[in-house]
Amino acid sequence: MSSTVGKVHSEAITLRAWTEGRMVHLELSDGRLLAFPADRFRLLKNATEEQLARISIRLNGAALRWEELDEDLTVQGILDGRFQLPL
């Protein structure tokens, strides 16, 4: 079973991250494209669109970082639906 968990984590690698308005978009190494509302996270909810656009990929694609906001999100957490705030 641990090999399955390892496989899930290895698939959750971000190749590209960008924002359009208040939506954060990710392109994953397995070909998936996903998007989520920034407003589902407390610190991102209060950010301007310009601040949101300054997203960087960290930990070899396993995490997202907004340096100015001091916010980090794991890609696996996003895939698992671990959001801080409701829609």
N, C-alpha and C. Protein backbone atom coordinates (compact mmCIF):
# COMPACT_ATOMS: atom_id res chain seq x y z
N MET A 1 0.81 -1.19 0.00
CA MET A 1 0.00 0.00 0.00
C MET A 1 0.86 1.26 0.00
N SER A 2 1.99 1.23 0.65
CA SER A 2 2.84 2.42 0.65
C SER A 2 3.31 2.78 -0.75
N SER A 3 3.46 1.80 -1.62
CA SER A 3 3.86 2.12 -2.99
C SER A 3 2.77 2.90 -3.71
N THR A 4 1.51 2.65 -3.38
CA THR A 4 0.42 3.42 -3.97
C THR A 4 0.48 4.86 -3.50
N VAL A 5 0.72 5.06 -2.21
CA VAL A 5 0.83 6.41 -1.69
C VAL A 5 1.98 7.14 -2.37
N GLY A 6 3.11 6.47 -2.52
CA GLY A 6 4.24 7.07 -3.21
C GLY A 6 3.91 7.44 -4.63
N LYS A 7 3.13 6.61 -5.29
CA LYS A 7 2.74 6.88 -6.67
C LYS A 7 1.85 8.11 -6.74
N VAL A 8 0.91 8.23 -5.83
CA VAL A 8 0.02 9.40 -5.82
C VAL A 8 0.85 10.67 -5.66
N HIS A 9 1.79 10.65 -4.72
CA HIS A 9 2.61 11.84 -4.51
C HIS A 9 3.50 12.13 -5.71
N SER A 10 4.00 11.10 -6.37
CA SER A 10 4.87 11.34 -7.52
C SER A 10 4.09 11.91 -8.70
N GLU A 11 2.80 11.65 -8.77
CA GLU A 11 1.99 12.19 -9.86
C GLU A 11 1.61 13.65 -9.62
N ALA A 12 1.65 14.09 -8.38
CA ALA A 12 1.21 15.43 -8.04
C ALA A 12 2.37 16.42 -8.16
N ILE A 13 2.97 16.48 -9.33
CA ILE A 13 4.10 17.37 -9.57
C ILE A 13 3.65 18.48 -10.53
N THR A 14 3.83 19.70 -10.11
CA THR A 14 3.43 20.85 -10.92
C THR A 14 4.53 21.22 -11.90
N LEU A 15 4.17 21.31 -13.16
CA LEU A 15 5.09 21.77 -14.19
C LEU A 15 4.97 23.28 -14.40
N ARG A 16 3.73 23.77 -14.25
CA ARG A 16 3.46 25.19 -14.53
C ARG A 16 2.34 25.65 -13.62
N ALA A 17 2.45 26.87 -13.12
CA ALA A 17 1.40 27.46 -12.29
C ALA A 17 1.20 28.91 -12.72
N TRP A 18 -0.05 29.33 -12.79
CA TRP A 18 -0.37 30.70 -13.18
C TRP A 18 -1.73 31.07 -12.62
N THR A 19 -2.04 32.34 -12.67
CA THR A 19 -3.34 32.80 -12.21
C THR A 19 -4.04 33.54 -13.34
N GLU A 20 -5.35 33.47 -13.30
CA GLU A 20 -6.22 34.26 -14.17
C GLU A 20 -7.28 34.84 -13.25
N GLY A 21 -7.19 36.13 -13.03
CA GLY A 21 -8.10 36.73 -12.05
C GLY A 21 -7.81 36.14 -10.68
N ARG A 22 -8.84 35.59 -10.06
CA ARG A 22 -8.69 35.03 -8.72
C ARG A 22 -8.62 33.51 -8.74
N MET A 23 -8.41 32.94 -9.93
CA MET A 23 -8.26 31.49 -10.07
C MET A 23 -6.78 31.13 -10.22
N VAL A 24 -6.38 30.08 -9.52
CA VAL A 24 -5.02 29.56 -9.62
C VAL A 24 -5.08 28.30 -10.49
N HIS A 25 -4.24 28.25 -11.51
CA HIS A 25 -4.23 27.13 -12.46
C HIS A 25 -2.92 26.37 -12.34
N LEU A 26 -3.02 25.04 -12.45
CA LEU A 26 -1.84 24.19 -12.39
C LEU A 26 -1.84 23.21 -13.56
N GLU A 27 -0.67 22.98 -14.11
CA GLU A 27 -0.47 21.91 -15.09
C GLU A 27 0.43 20.89 -14.41
N LEU A 28 -0.06 19.65 -14.28
CA LEU A 28 0.68 18.60 -13.59
C LEU A 28 1.44 17.72 -14.57
N SER A 29 2.45 17.04 -14.07
CA SER A 29 3.31 16.22 -14.91
C SER A 29 2.58 15.04 -15.55
N ASP A 30 1.44 14.65 -14.98
CA ASP A 30 0.68 13.53 -15.57
C ASP A 30 -0.33 14.01 -16.61
N GLY A 31 -0.28 15.30 -16.96
CA GLY A 31 -1.16 15.84 -17.99
C GLY A 31 -2.41 16.52 -17.46
N ARG A 32 -2.69 16.38 -16.18
CA ARG A 32 -3.88 17.02 -15.63
C ARG A 32 -3.70 18.53 -15.56
N LEU A 33 -4.80 19.22 -15.81
CA LEU A 33 -4.90 20.65 -15.59
C LEU A 33 -5.95 20.85 -14.52
N LEU A 34 -5.66 21.69 -13.55
CA LEU A 34 -6.67 21.95 -12.54
C LEU A 34 -6.62 23.41 -12.16
N ALA A 35 -7.73 23.85 -11.61
CA ALA A 35 -7.83 25.24 -11.16
C ALA A 35 -8.65 25.27 -9.89
N PHE A 36 -8.34 26.23 -9.05
CA PHE A 36 -9.09 26.41 -7.81
C PHE A 36 -9.17 27.89 -7.48
N PRO A 37 -10.24 28.30 -6.80
CA PRO A 37 -10.37 29.70 -6.41
C PRO A 37 -9.38 30.05 -5.30
N ALA A 38 -8.63 31.11 -5.48
CA ALA A 38 -7.69 31.55 -4.45
C ALA A 38 -8.42 31.85 -3.14
N ASP A 39 -9.66 32.25 -3.25
CA ASP A 39 -10.43 32.63 -2.06
C ASP A 39 -10.75 31.45 -1.14
N ARG A 40 -10.35 30.24 -1.49
CA ARG A 40 -10.52 29.08 -0.61
C ARG A 40 -9.45 29.03 0.48
N PHE A 41 -8.46 29.94 0.42
CA PHE A 41 -7.38 30.00 1.41
C PHE A 41 -7.33 31.40 2.02
N ARG A 42 -7.21 31.46 3.34
CA ARG A 42 -7.30 32.73 4.07
C ARG A 42 -6.34 33.80 3.55
N LEU A 43 -5.07 33.49 3.47
CA LEU A 43 -4.09 34.50 3.04
C LEU A 43 -4.28 34.90 1.58
N LEU A 44 -4.63 33.94 0.75
CA LEU A 44 -4.84 34.26 -0.66
C LEU A 44 -6.10 35.07 -0.87
N LYS A 45 -7.10 34.86 -0.03
CA LYS A 45 -8.37 35.59 -0.16
C LYS A 45 -8.16 37.09 -0.03
N ASN A 46 -7.22 37.49 0.81
CA ASN A 46 -6.97 38.91 1.04
C ASN A 46 -5.94 39.50 0.09
N ALA A 47 -5.39 38.69 -0.79
CA ALA A 47 -4.35 39.15 -1.72
C ALA A 47 -4.95 39.86 -2.92
N THR A 48 -4.19 40.77 -3.48
CA THR A 48 -4.60 41.39 -4.74
C THR A 48 -4.32 40.41 -5.88
N GLU A 49 -4.89 40.67 -7.03
CA GLU A 49 -4.61 39.82 -8.20
C GLU A 49 -3.14 39.88 -8.58
N GLU A 50 -2.51 41.04 -8.39
CA GLU A 50 -1.08 41.17 -8.68
C GLU A 50 -0.26 40.30 -7.74
N GLN A 51 -0.62 40.27 -6.46
CA GLN A 51 0.08 39.41 -5.51
C GLN A 51 -0.13 37.94 -5.84
N LEU A 52 -1.34 37.57 -6.22
CA LEU A 52 -1.62 36.18 -6.58
C LEU A 52 -0.78 35.74 -7.78
N ALA A 53 -0.57 36.65 -8.70
CA ALA A 53 0.17 36.32 -9.92
C ALA A 53 1.64 36.00 -9.65
N ARG A 54 2.15 36.41 -8.50
CA ARG A 54 3.55 36.16 -8.16
C ARG A 54 3.70 34.81 -7.45
N ILE A 55 3.24 33.79 -8.11
CA ILE A 55 3.28 32.42 -7.61
C ILE A 55 4.57 31.75 -8.09
N SER A 56 5.14 30.92 -7.24
CA SER A 56 6.31 30.14 -7.67
C SER A 56 6.12 28.68 -7.28
N ILE A 57 6.80 27.83 -8.02
CA ILE A 57 6.75 26.38 -7.78
C ILE A 57 7.96 26.01 -6.95
N ARG A 58 7.73 25.25 -5.89
CA ARG A 58 8.81 24.85 -4.97
C ARG A 58 8.81 23.35 -4.77
N LEU A 59 9.83 22.87 -4.08
CA LEU A 59 9.98 21.45 -3.72
C LEU A 59 9.82 20.54 -4.94
N ASN A 60 10.52 20.90 -6.00
CA ASN A 60 10.49 20.09 -7.24
C ASN A 60 9.08 19.88 -7.77
N GLY A 61 8.23 20.88 -7.61
CA GLY A 61 6.88 20.81 -8.15
C GLY A 61 5.83 20.31 -7.19
N ALA A 62 6.21 20.01 -5.95
CA ALA A 62 5.25 19.48 -4.97
C ALA A 62 4.55 20.57 -4.17
N ALA A 63 4.99 21.82 -4.30
CA ALA A 63 4.39 22.90 -3.50
C ALA A 63 4.35 24.20 -4.30
N LEU A 64 3.46 25.08 -3.87
CA LEU A 64 3.33 26.41 -4.44
C LEU A 64 3.69 27.42 -3.36
N ARG A 65 4.29 28.54 -3.76
CA ARG A 65 4.73 29.54 -2.79
C ARG A 65 4.39 30.93 -3.29
N TRP A 66 3.87 31.74 -2.37
CA TRP A 66 3.67 33.17 -2.57
C TRP A 66 4.56 33.85 -1.54
N GLU A 67 5.74 34.26 -1.96
CA GLU A 67 6.74 34.81 -1.05
C GLU A 67 6.23 36.05 -0.32
N GLU A 68 5.66 36.98 -1.06
CA GLU A 68 5.18 38.24 -0.47
C GLU A 68 4.10 38.00 0.58
N LEU A 69 3.30 36.95 0.39
CA LEU A 69 2.20 36.65 1.31
C LEU A 69 2.62 35.66 2.39
N ASP A 70 3.81 35.09 2.26
CA ASP A 70 4.31 34.05 3.16
C ASP A 70 3.32 32.89 3.23
N GLU A 71 2.89 32.43 2.06
CA GLU A 71 1.92 31.33 1.96
C GLU A 71 2.51 30.20 1.13
N ASP A 72 2.35 28.99 1.64
CA ASP A 72 2.78 27.78 0.95
C ASP A 72 1.62 26.81 0.91
N LEU A 73 1.42 26.16 -0.23
CA LEU A 73 0.39 25.12 -0.37
C LEU A 73 1.03 23.91 -1.02
N THR A 74 0.65 22.72 -0.55
CA THR A 74 1.13 21.52 -1.22
C THR A 74 0.15 21.16 -2.33
N VAL A 75 0.68 20.67 -3.40
CA VAL A 75 -0.15 20.27 -4.53
C VAL A 75 -1.02 19.09 -4.11
N GLN A 76 -0.47 18.16 -3.34
CA GLN A 76 -1.26 17.01 -2.90
C GLN A 76 -2.43 17.47 -2.03
N GLY A 77 -2.22 18.46 -1.18
CA GLY A 77 -3.31 18.99 -0.36
C GLY A 77 -4.43 19.57 -1.21
N ILE A 78 -4.06 20.26 -2.27
CA ILE A 78 -5.06 20.81 -3.19
C ILE A 78 -5.82 19.68 -3.86
N LEU A 79 -5.09 18.68 -4.34
CA LEU A 79 -5.74 17.54 -5.00
C LEU A 79 -6.66 16.79 -4.04
N ASP A 80 -6.28 16.75 -2.77
CA ASP A 80 -7.10 16.07 -1.76
C ASP A 80 -8.28 16.92 -1.29
N GLY A 81 -8.37 18.17 -1.77
CA GLY A 81 -9.48 19.04 -1.40
C GLY A 81 -9.34 19.65 -0.02
N ARG A 82 -8.12 19.77 0.47
CA ARG A 82 -7.90 20.36 1.80
C ARG A 82 -7.84 21.88 1.69
N PHE A 83 -9.00 22.47 1.57
CA PHE A 83 -9.12 23.92 1.49
C PHE A 83 -9.48 24.47 2.86
N GLN A 84 -9.08 25.70 3.15
CA GLN A 84 -9.35 26.31 4.45
C GLN A 84 -10.75 26.89 4.55
N LEU A 85 -11.28 27.36 3.44
CA LEU A 85 -12.55 28.07 3.46
C LEU A 85 -13.53 27.44 2.47
N PRO A 86 -14.83 27.53 2.78
CA PRO A 86 -15.84 27.01 1.84
C PRO A 86 -15.97 27.94 0.63
N LEU A 87 -16.65 27.46 -0.38
CA LEU A 87 -16.91 28.30 -1.57
C LEU A 87 -17.81 29.45 -1.21
